[in-house]
PDB file of N, CA and C in Angstrom:
ATOM      1  N   MET A   1       0.916  -1.165   0.048  1.00  0.00           N
ATOM      2  CA  MET A   1      -0.051  -0.059   0.004  1.00  0.00           C
ATOM      3  C   MET A   1       0.896   1.218   0.068  1.00  0.00           C
ATOM      4  N   GLN A   2       0.583   2.205  -0.779  1.00  0.00           N
ATOM      5  CA  GLN A   2       1.277   3.465  -0.991  1.00  0.00           C
ATOM      6  C   GLN A   2       0.883   4.564  -0.319  1.00  0.00           C
ATOM      7  N   ASN A   3       1.529   5.193   0.711  1.00  0.00           N
ATOM      8  CA  ASN A   3       1.225   6.421   1.520  1.00  0.00           C
ATOM      9  C   ASN A   3       1.077   7.544   0.324  1.00  0.00           C
ATOM     10  N   VAL A   4      -0.024   8.400   0.587  1.00  0.00           N
ATOM     11  CA  VAL A   4      -0.335   9.374  -0.231  1.00  0.00           C
ATOM     12  C   VAL A   4      -0.179  10.776   0.597  1.00  0.00           C
ATOM     13  N   PHE A   5       0.822  11.608   0.041  1.00  0.00           N
ATOM     14  CA  PHE A   5       1.032  12.760   0.781  1.00  0.00           C
ATOM     15  C   PHE A   5       0.516  14.008  -0.276  1.00  0.00           C
ATOM     16  N   ASP A   6      -0.734  14.078  -0.266  1.00  0.00           N
ATOM     17  CA  ASP A   6      -1.419  14.724  -1.117  1.00  0.00           C
ATOM     18  C   ASP A   6      -1.154  16.436  -0.859  1.00  0.00           C
ATOM     19  N   GLU A   7      -1.866  17.406  -1.557  1.00  0.00           N
ATOM     20  CA  GLU A   7      -1.430  18.646  -1.514  1.00  0.00           C
ATOM     21  C   GLU A   7      -2.042  19.131  -0.131  1.00  0.00           C
ATOM     22  N   LYS A   8      -3.212  18.650   0.260  1.00  0.00           N
ATOM     23  CA  LYS A   8      -3.614  19.059   1.555  1.00  0.00           C
ATOM     24  C   LYS A   8      -2.821  18.641   2.574  1.00  0.00           C
ATOM     25  N   ALA A   9      -2.323  17.350   2.799  1.00  0.00           N
ATOM     26  CA  ALA A   9      -1.405  16.918   3.644  1.00  0.00           C
ATOM     27  C   ALA A   9      -0.149  17.780   3.752  1.00  0.00           C
ATOM     28  N   LYS A  10       0.329  18.079   2.757  1.00  0.00           N
ATOM     29  CA  LYS A  10       1.467  18.985   2.405  1.00  0.00           C
ATOM     30  C   LYS A  10       1.357  20.184   3.233  1.00  0.00           C
ATOM     31  N   MET A  11       0.114  20.914   2.773  1.00  0.00           N
ATOM     32  CA  MET A  11      -0.047  22.253   3.198  1.00  0.00           C
ATOM     33  C   MET A  11      -0.373  22.155   4.692  1.00  0.00           C
ATOM     34  N   THR A  12      -1.113  21.115   5.219  1.00  0.00           N
ATOM     35  CA  THR A  12      -1.354  20.891   6.624  1.00  0.00           C
ATOM     36  C   THR A  12       0.072  20.915   7.282  1.00  0.00           C
ATOM     37  N   ASP A  13       1.239  20.229   6.850  1.00  0.00           N
ATOM     38  CA  ASP A  13       2.414  19.997   7.353  1.00  0.00           C
ATOM     39  C   ASP A  13       3.250  21.259   7.275  1.00  0.00           C
ATOM     40  N   LEU A  14       2.907  21.974   6.363  1.00  0.00           N
ATOM     41  CA  LEU A  14       3.638  23.342   6.341  1.00  0.00           C
ATOM     42  C   LEU A  14       3.024  24.371   7.269  1.00  0.00           C
ATOM     43  N   LEU A  15       1.825  24.278   7.306  1.00  0.00           N
ATOM     44  CA  LEU A  15       1.109  25.031   8.348  1.00  0.00           C
ATOM     45  C   LEU A  15       1.594  24.907   9.694  1.00  0.00           C
ATOM     46  N   ASN A  16       1.767  23.629  10.147  1.00  0.00           N
ATOM     47  CA  ASN A  16       2.125  23.260  11.359  1.00  0.00           C
ATOM     48  C   ASN A  16       3.389  23.639  11.593  1.00  0.00           C
ATOM     49  N   CYS A  17       4.284  23.389  10.574  1.00  0.00           N
ATOM     50  CA  CYS A  17       5.703  23.970  10.786  1.00  0.00           C
ATOM     51  C   CYS A  17       5.966  25.430  11.018  1.00  0.00           C
ATOM     52  N   GLU A  18       5.055  26.113  10.249  1.00  0.00           N
ATOM     53  CA  GLU A  18       5.088  27.725  10.423  1.00  0.00           C
ATOM     54  C   GLU A  18       4.669  28.045  11.816  1.00  0.00           C
ATOM     55  N   LYS A  19       3.698  27.444  12.280  1.00  0.00           N
ATOM     56  CA  LYS A  19       3.042  27.633  13.766  1.00  0.00           C
ATOM     57  C   LYS A  19       4.244  27.482  14.626  1.00  0.00           C
ATOM     58  N   HIS A  20       4.804  26.170  14.533  1.00  0.00           N
ATOM     59  CA  HIS A  20       6.098  25.865  15.351  1.00  0.00           C
ATOM     60  C   HIS A  20       7.141  26.952  15.279  1.00  0.00           C
ATOM     61  N   MET A  21       7.533  27.294  14.030  1.00  0.00           N
ATOM     62  CA  MET A  21       8.619  28.294  13.925  1.00  0.00           C
ATOM     63  C   MET A  21       8.252  29.592  14.427  1.00  0.00           C
ATOM     64  N   ALA A  22       7.035  30.114  14.287  1.00  0.00           N
ATOM     65  CA  ALA A  22       6.603  31.421  14.887  1.00  0.00           C
ATOM     66  C   ALA A  22       6.658  31.310  16.305  1.00  0.00           C
ATOM     67  N   SER A  23       6.266  30.238  16.899  1.00  0.00           N
ATOM     68  CA  SER A  23       6.475  30.207  18.566  1.00  0.00           C
ATOM     69  C   SER A  23       7.867  30.304  18.776  1.00  0.00           C
ATOM     70  N   ALA A  24       8.747  29.450  18.179  1.00  0.00           N
ATOM     71  CA  ALA A  24      10.136  29.562  18.534  1.00  0.00           C
ATOM     72  C   ALA A  24      10.638  30.919  18.413  1.00  0.00           C
ATOM     73  N   TYR A  25      10.535  31.612  17.284  1.00  0.00           N
ATOM     74  CA  TYR A  25      10.968  32.854  17.046  1.00  0.00           C
ATOM     75  C   TYR A  25      10.466  33.983  17.962  1.00  0.00           C
ATOM     76  N   ASN A  26       9.121  33.612  18.468  1.00  0.00           N
ATOM     77  CA  ASN A  26       8.702  34.557  19.436  1.00  0.00           C
ATOM     78  C   ASN A  26       9.298  34.379  20.754  1.00  0.00           C
ATOM     79  N   THR A  27       9.687  33.131  21.237  1.00  0.00           N
ATOM     80  CA  THR A  27      10.513  32.909  22.469  1.00  0.00           C
ATOM     81  C   THR A  27      11.967  33.354  22.311  1.00  0.00           C
ATOM     82  N   PHE A  28      12.477  33.332  21.129  1.00  0.00           N
ATOM     83  CA  PHE A  28      14.000  33.930  20.852  1.00  0.00           C
ATOM     84  C   PHE A  28      13.958  35.347  20.911  1.00  0.00           C
ATOM     85  N   LEU A  29      12.944  36.054  20.405  1.00  0.00           N
ATOM     86  CA  LEU A  29      12.622  37.419  20.600  1.00  0.00           C
ATOM     87  C   LEU A  29      12.626  37.880  21.863  1.00  0.00           C
ATOM     88  N   ALA A  30      11.751  37.187  22.604  1.00  0.00           N
ATOM     89  CA  ALA A  30      11.671  37.755  24.127  1.00  0.00           C
ATOM     90  C   ALA A  30      12.854  37.496  24.910  1.00  0.00           C
ATOM     91  N   GLU A  31      13.881  36.762  24.513  1.00  0.00           N
ATOM     92  CA  GLU A  31      15.039  36.419  25.157  1.00  0.00           C
ATOM     93  C   GLU A  31      16.227  37.090  24.533  1.00  0.00           C
ATOM     94  N   SER A  32      15.851  38.138  23.678  1.00  0.00           N
ATOM     95  CA  SER A  32      17.081  38.709  22.936  1.00  0.00           C
ATOM     96  C   SER A  32      17.669  39.740  23.905  1.00  0.00           C
ATOM     97  N   GLU A  33      19.094  39.836  23.697  1.00  0.00           N
ATOM     98  CA  GLU A  33      19.905  40.607  24.688  1.00  0.00           C
ATOM     99  C   GLU A  33      20.095  41.898  23.999  1.00  0.00           C
ATOM    100  N   THR A  34      20.269  42.010  22.622  1.00  0.00           N
ATOM    101  CA  THR A  34      20.532  43.458  22.220  1.00  0.00           C
ATOM    102  C   THR A  34      19.403  43.846  21.181  1.00  0.00           C
ATOM    103  N   SER A  35      19.418  45.135  21.002  1.00  0.00           N
ATOM    104  CA  SER A  35      18.283  45.677  20.111  1.00  0.00           C
ATOM    105  C   SER A  35      18.424  45.117  18.548  1.00  0.00           C
ATOM    106  N   ALA A  36      19.595  45.016  18.262  1.00  0.00           N
ATOM    107  CA  ALA A  36      19.938  44.617  16.894  1.00  0.00           C
ATOM    108  C   ALA A  36      19.634  43.105  16.680  1.00  0.00           C
ATOM    109  N   VAL A  37      19.620  42.174  17.783  1.00  0.00           N
ATOM    110  CA  VAL A  37      19.245  40.899  17.567  1.00  0.00           C
ATOM    111  C   VAL A  37      17.663  40.952  17.659  1.00  0.00           C
ATOM    112  N   MET A  38      17.204  41.805  18.645  1.00  0.00           N
ATOM    113  CA  MET A  38      15.722  41.753  18.695  1.00  0.00           C
ATOM    114  C   MET A  38      15.017  42.310  17.238  1.00  0.00           C
ATOM    115  N   SER A  39      15.663  43.260  16.553  1.00  0.00           N
ATOM    116  CA  SER A  39      15.034  43.725  15.409  1.00  0.00           C
ATOM    117  C   SER A  39      15.140  42.623  14.253  1.00  0.00           C
ATOM    118  N   CYS A  40      16.292  42.067  14.247  1.00  0.00           N
ATOM    119  CA  CYS A  40      16.482  40.934  13.141  1.00  0.00           C
ATOM    120  C   CYS A  40      15.150  39.851  13.655  1.00  0.00           C
ATOM    121  N   LEU A  41      15.153  39.474  14.554  1.00  0.00           N
ATOM    122  CA  LEU A  41      14.145  38.489  14.976  1.00  0.00           C
ATOM    123  C   LEU A  41      12.916  38.687  14.883  1.00  0.00           C
ATOM    124  N   SER A  42      12.457  40.208  15.169  1.00  0.00           N
ATOM    125  CA  SER A  42      11.103  40.666  14.831  1.00  0.00           C
ATOM    126  C   SER A  42      11.042  40.605  13.430  1.00  0.00           C
ATOM    127  N   GLY A  43      11.857  40.868  12.586  1.00  0.00           N
ATOM    128  CA  GLY A  43      11.520  40.929  11.070  1.00  0.00           C
ATOM    129  C   GLY A  43      11.289  39.487  10.726  1.00  0.00           C
ATOM    130  N   ILE A  44      11.974  38.374  11.103  1.00  0.00           N
ATOM    131  CA  ILE A  44      11.862  37.045  10.885  1.00  0.00           C
ATOM    132  C   ILE A  44      10.426  36.546  11.343  1.00  0.00           C
ATOM    133  N   LEU A  45      10.297  36.866  12.666  1.00  0.00           N
ATOM    134  CA  LEU A  45       8.773  36.567  13.084  1.00  0.00           C
ATOM    135  C   LEU A  45       7.520  37.111  12.441  1.00  0.00           C
ATOM    136  N   THR A  46       7.753  38.330  11.960  1.00  0.00           N
ATOM    137  CA  THR A  46       6.737  39.028  11.019  1.00  0.00           C
ATOM    138  C   THR A  46       6.664  38.174   9.704  1.00  0.00           C
ATOM    139  N   ASP A  47       7.861  37.671   8.999  1.00  0.00           N
ATOM    140  CA  ASP A  47       7.721  36.981   8.002  1.00  0.00           C
ATOM    141  C   ASP A  47       7.109  35.707   8.175  1.00  0.00           C
ATOM    142  N   GLU A  48       7.362  34.973   9.207  1.00  0.00           N
ATOM    143  CA  GLU A  48       6.844  33.884   9.625  1.00  0.00           C
ATOM    144  C   GLU A  48       5.156  33.935   9.710  1.00  0.00           C
ATOM    145  N   HIS A  49       4.920  34.956  10.210  1.00  0.00           N
ATOM    146  CA  HIS A  49       3.333  35.267  10.456  1.00  0.00           C
ATOM    147  C   HIS A  49       2.681  35.424   9.122  1.00  0.00           C
ATOM    148  N   SER A  50       3.313  36.193   8.217  1.00  0.00           N
ATOM    149  CA  SER A  50       2.812  36.343   6.815  1.00  0.00           C
ATOM    150  C   SER A  50       2.629  34.944   6.165  1.00  0.00           C
ATOM    151  N   ILE A  51       3.836  34.052   6.314  1.00  0.00           N
ATOM    152  CA  ILE A  51       3.687  32.838   5.533  1.00  0.00           C
ATOM    153  C   ILE A  51       2.507  32.037   6.100  1.00  0.00           C
ATOM    154  N   GLN A  52       2.496  31.929   7.464  1.00  0.00           N
ATOM    155  CA  GLN A  52       1.431  31.334   8.124  1.00  0.00           C
ATOM    156  C   GLN A  52       0.109  31.766   7.648  1.00  0.00           C
ATOM    157  N   ASN A  53      -0.128  33.096   7.513  1.00  0.00           N
ATOM    158  CA  ASN A  53      -1.440  33.485   7.105  1.00  0.00           C
ATOM    159  C   ASN A  53      -1.745  33.210   5.673  1.00  0.00           C
ATOM    160  N   GLU A  54      -0.686  33.264   4.978  1.00  0.00           N
ATOM    161  CA  GLU A  54      -1.042  32.813   3.490  1.00  0.00           C
ATOM    162  C   GLU A  54      -1.334  31.342   3.293  1.00  0.00           C
ATOM    163  N   LEU A  55      -0.576  30.423   4.055  1.00  0.00           N
ATOM    164  CA  LEU A  55      -1.177  28.944   4.067  1.00  0.00           C
ATOM    165  C   LEU A  55      -2.471  28.960   4.605  1.00  0.00           C
ATOM    166  N   PHE A  56      -2.728  29.646   5.760  1.00  0.00           N
ATOM    167  CA  PHE A  56      -4.111  29.386   6.308  1.00  0.00           C
ATOM    168  C   PHE A  56      -5.188  29.963   5.335  1.00  0.00           C
ATOM    169  N   THR A  57      -4.852  31.070   4.628  1.00  0.00           N
ATOM    170  CA  THR A  57      -5.954  31.618   3.753  1.00  0.00           C
ATOM    171  C   THR A  57      -6.142  30.735   2.490  1.00  0.00           C
ATOM    172  N   GLU A  58      -5.087  30.105   1.996  1.00  0.00           N
ATOM    173  CA  GLU A  58      -5.150  29.284   0.735  1.00  0.00           C
ATOM    174  C   GLU A  58      -5.751  28.003   1.327  1.00  0.00           C
ATOM    175  N   MET A  59      -5.678  27.365   2.466  1.00  0.00           N
ATOM    176  CA  MET A  59      -6.183  26.108   2.981  1.00  0.00           C
ATOM    177  C   MET A  59      -7.655  26.634   3.122  1.00  0.00           C
ATOM    178  N   SER A  60      -8.005  27.534   3.778  1.00  0.00           N
ATOM    179  CA  SER A  60      -9.351  28.032   4.000  1.00  0.00           C
ATOM    180  C   SER A  60     -10.072  28.088   2.742  1.00  0.00           C
ATOM    181  N   ALA A  61      -9.577  28.847   1.832  1.00  0.00           N
ATOM    182  CA  ALA A  61     -10.140  28.882   0.405  1.00  0.00           C
ATOM    183  C   ALA A  61     -10.521  27.617  -0.175  1.00  0.00           C
ATOM    184  N   LYS A  62      -9.804  26.558  -0.014  1.00  0.00           N
ATOM    185  CA  LYS A  62     -10.029  25.104  -0.538  1.00  0.00           C
ATOM    186  C   LYS A  62     -10.881  24.371   0.427  1.00  0.00           C
ATOM    187  N   GLY A  63     -11.181  24.975   1.498  1.00  0.00           N
ATOM    188  CA  GLY A  63     -12.086  24.036   2.389  1.00  0.00           C
ATOM    189  C   GLY A  63     -11.529  23.137   3.190  1.00  0.00           C
ATOM    190  N   TRP A  64      -9.984  23.222   3.401  1.00  0.00           N
ATOM    191  CA  TRP A  64      -9.294  22.350   4.135  1.00  0.00           C
ATOM    192  C   TRP A  64      -9.075  22.889   5.557  1.00  0.00           C
ATOM    193  N   TYR A  65      -9.322  24.147   6.006  1.00  0.00           N
ATOM    194  CA  TYR A  65      -9.154  24.598   7.331  1.00  0.00           C
ATOM    195  C   TYR A  65     -10.461  25.441   7.497  1.00  0.00           C
ATOM    196  N   LYS A  66     -11.280  24.812   8.167  1.00  0.00           N
ATOM    197  CA  LYS A  66     -12.644  25.532   8.475  1.00  0.00           C
ATOM    198  C   LYS A  66     -12.589  26.066   9.807  1.00  0.00           C
ATOM    199  N   THR A  67     -13.222  27.208  10.059  1.00  0.00           N
ATOM    200  CA  THR A  67     -13.356  28.062  11.072  1.00  0.00           C
ATOM    201  C   THR A  67     -14.780  28.322  11.449  1.00  0.00           C
ATOM    202  N   GLU A  68     -15.105  28.483  12.702  1.00  0.00           N
ATOM    203  CA  GLU A  68     -16.555  28.837  12.919  1.00  0.00           C
ATOM    204  C   GLU A  68     -16.619  30.097  13.619  1.00  0.00           C
ATOM    205  N   LYS A  69     -17.629  30.905  13.211  1.00  0.00           N
ATOM    206  CA  LYS A  69     -17.730  32.271  13.933  1.00  0.00           C
ATOM    207  C   LYS A  69     -18.222  31.933  15.552  1.00  0.00           C
ATOM    208  N   ALA A  70     -17.570  32.683  16.446  1.00  0.00           N
ATOM    209  CA  ALA A  70     -17.910  32.477  17.660  1.00  0.00           C
ATOM    210  C   ALA A  70     -19.165  33.315  17.885  1.00  0.00           C
ATOM    211  N   GLU A  71     -19.999  32.615  18.883  1.00  0.00           N
ATOM    212  CA  GLU A  71     -21.333  33.281  19.175  1.00  0.00           C
ATOM    213  C   GLU A  71     -21.170  34.717  20.083  1.00  0.00           C
ATOM    214  N   ASP A  72     -21.860  35.700  19.754  1.00  0.00           N
ATOM    215  CA  ASP A  72     -21.468  37.014  20.358  1.00  0.00           C
ATOM    216  C   ASP A  72     -21.524  36.682  21.699  1.00  0.00           C
ATOM    217  N   THR A  73     -22.447  35.919  22.392  1.00  0.00           N
ATOM    218  CA  THR A  73     -22.527  35.715  24.036  1.00  0.00           C
ATOM    219  C   THR A  73     -21.149  35.329  24.444  1.00  0.00           C
ATOM    220  N   LYS A  74     -20.602  34.331  23.815  1.00  0.00           N
ATOM    221  CA  LYS A  74     -19.413  33.759  24.282  1.00  0.00           C
ATOM    222  C   LYS A  74     -18.308  34.894  24.051  1.00  0.00           C
ATOM    223  N   VAL A  75     -18.300  35.594  23.007  1.00  0.00           N
ATOM    224  CA  VAL A  75     -17.168  36.584  22.943  1.00  0.00           C
ATOM    225  C   VAL A  75     -17.325  37.697  23.966  1.00  0.00           C
ATOM    226  N   ASN A  76     -18.651  38.033  24.168  1.00  0.00           N
ATOM    227  CA  ASN A  76     -18.817  39.023  25.336  1.00  0.00           C
ATOM    228  C   ASN A  76     -18.445  38.557  26.813  1.00  0.00           C
ATOM    229  N   ALA A  77     -18.770  37.290  26.872  1.00  0.00           N
ATOM    230  CA  ALA A  77     -18.364  36.695  28.235  1.00  0.00           C
ATOM    231  C   ALA A  77     -16.740  36.625  28.366  1.00  0.00           C
ATOM    232  N   ALA A  78     -16.083  36.321  27.203  1.00  0.00           N
ATOM    233  CA  ALA A  78     -14.594  36.327  27.399  1.00  0.00           C
ATOM    234  C   ALA A  78     -14.210  37.880  27.559  1.00  0.00           C
ATOM    235  N   LYS A  79     -14.628  38.672  26.817  1.00  0.00           N
ATOM    236  CA  LYS A  79     -14.332  40.156  27.045  1.00  0.00           C
ATOM    237  C   LYS A  79     -14.335  40.537  28.585  1.00  0.00           C
ATOM    238  N   GLN A  80     -15.552  40.133  29.038  1.00  0.00           N
ATOM    239  CA  GLN A  80     -15.703  40.384  30.675  1.00  0.00           C
ATOM    240  C   GLN A  80     -14.852  39.822  31.452  1.00  0.00           C
ATOM    241  N   GLN A  81     -14.645  38.535  31.111  1.00  0.00           N
ATOM    242  CA  GLN A  81     -13.572  37.703  32.042  1.00  0.00           C
ATOM    243  C   GLN A  81     -12.265  38.301  31.881  1.00  0.00           C
ATOM    244  N   PHE A  82     -11.716  38.653  30.873  1.00  0.00           N
ATOM    245  CA  PHE A  82     -10.440  39.313  30.740  1.00  0.00           C
ATOM    246  C   PHE A  82     -10.367  40.764  31.081  1.00  0.00           C
ATOM    247  N   ALA A  83     -11.656  41.636  31.133  1.00  0.00           N
ATOM    248  CA  ALA A  83     -11.393  42.966  31.679  1.00  0.00           C
ATOM    249  C   ALA A  83     -11.594  43.172  32.935  1.00  0.00           C
ATOM    250  N   GLY A  84     -11.726  41.900  33.732  1.00  0.00           N
ATOM    251  CA  GLY A  84     -11.899  41.929  35.250  1.00  0.00           C
ATOM    252  C   GLY A  84     -13.261  42.442  35.792  1.00  0.00           C
ATOM    253  N   ASN A  85     -14.243  42.375  34.868  1.00  0.00           N
ATOM    254  CA  ASN A  85     -15.623  42.784  35.221  1.00  0.00           C
ATOM    255  C   ASN A  85     -16.312  41.406  35.809  1.00  0.00           C
TER     256      ASN A  85
END
């Protein structure tokens, strides 16, 4: 039996890798010692977020990454919870 690594599987793998990379660069950025390193890593992190968004948008357009709109009551409850009300 042959394993199939189709376009959806490849894009899912790429998106997961980008999420991991963005997380790692965020940690590196938070632990930067100099402003030069911080600036460099900030640019890389921005690039990672852009790539991640492009993959998400493409997958969403193909119906491979579905998201549901949150109910207004749940959104308002979360806002109140984190606003300290």
